[in-house]
Amino acid sequence: MPQRYPSIGRCIYCGNEEGKRGEEHIVPRALAGDAIIFDDASCRDCEKMINKFEHSVLSKVLGPSR
């Protein structure tokens, strides 16, 4: 069962307090990161940017070792 942390009321990346925020896995889900989760942590814009970055790193850099 994952350990969950409550929202701080704003995006953990940009500080935006408006709109809906998604959860953040401290270790990316693609690396079996379901143990520690921040609820309501990142705004949609930052979530898209972080997911794009993680996808790039996980597929290009770590792809062969995964």
Protein backbone atom coordinates (compact mmCIF):
# COMPACT_ATOMS: atom_id res chain seq x y z
CA MET A 1 0.00 0.00 0.00
CA PRO A 2 1.45 3.38 -0.96
CA GLN A 3 2.38 6.00 1.58
CA ARG A 4 0.45 9.15 0.62
CA TYR A 5 1.18 12.73 1.57
CA PRO A 6 -1.47 15.47 1.54
CA SER A 7 -1.50 18.45 -0.79
CA ILE A 8 0.31 21.65 0.15
CA GLY A 9 -2.40 23.59 -1.70
CA ARG A 10 -0.29 24.56 -4.69
CA CYS A 11 1.82 23.02 -7.45
CA ILE A 12 5.10 21.74 -6.03
CA TYR A 13 6.94 22.89 -9.16
CA CYS A 14 5.60 26.35 -10.07
CA GLY A 15 3.51 27.33 -7.05
CA ASN A 16 0.26 27.72 -9.01
CA GLU A 17 -2.68 27.57 -6.63
CA GLU A 18 -5.40 27.49 -9.31
CA GLY A 19 -7.02 24.58 -11.11
CA LYS A 20 -6.90 20.86 -10.70
CA ARG A 21 -3.63 19.17 -9.77
CA GLY A 22 -2.52 15.59 -10.27
CA GLU A 23 -0.66 13.25 -7.97
CA GLU A 24 3.12 12.86 -8.13
CA HIS A 25 5.00 9.61 -7.62
CA ILE A 26 8.32 10.34 -5.93
CA VAL A 27 9.88 7.50 -7.88
CA PRO A 28 8.36 7.45 -11.39
CA ARG A 29 5.60 4.89 -11.86
CA ALA A 30 7.56 3.42 -14.79
CA LEU A 31 10.24 2.42 -12.28
CA ALA A 32 7.69 0.76 -9.98
CA GLY A 33 7.25 3.99 -8.05
CA ASP A 34 3.98 3.41 -6.26
CA ALA A 35 5.39 3.53 -2.72
CA ILE A 36 5.34 7.30 -2.02
CA ILE A 37 2.75 9.60 -3.57
CA PHE A 38 2.02 13.31 -3.13
CA ASP A 39 -1.71 13.89 -3.62
CA ASP A 40 -2.90 16.91 -5.57
CA ALA A 41 0.71 17.99 -6.19
CA SER A 42 1.36 19.24 -9.73
CA CYS A 43 -0.67 21.50 -12.02
CA ARG A 44 -1.59 20.22 -15.47
CA ASP A 45 1.10 22.29 -17.24
CA CYS A 46 3.90 21.07 -14.96
CA GLU A 47 2.53 17.53 -15.05
CA LYS A 48 2.79 17.52 -18.85
CA MET A 49 6.35 18.88 -18.73
CA ILE A 50 7.49 16.40 -16.08
CA ASN A 51 5.87 13.45 -17.89
CA LYS A 52 7.57 14.43 -21.14
CA PHE A 53 10.93 14.67 -19.37
CA GLU A 54 10.46 11.36 -17.53
CA HIS A 55 9.41 9.61 -20.73
CA SER A 56 12.51 10.89 -22.52
CA VAL A 57 14.87 9.82 -19.74
CA LEU A 58 13.21 6.47 -19.13
CA SER A 59 13.03 5.51 -22.80
CA LYS A 60 16.29 6.93 -24.15
CA VAL A 61 18.68 6.89 -21.22
CA LEU A 62 17.43 4.02 -19.08
CA GLY A 63 15.63 2.06 -21.80
CA PRO A 64 18.26 -0.65 -22.29
CA SER A 65 18.60 -1.30 -18.54
CA ARG A 66 14.85 -1.39 -17.92
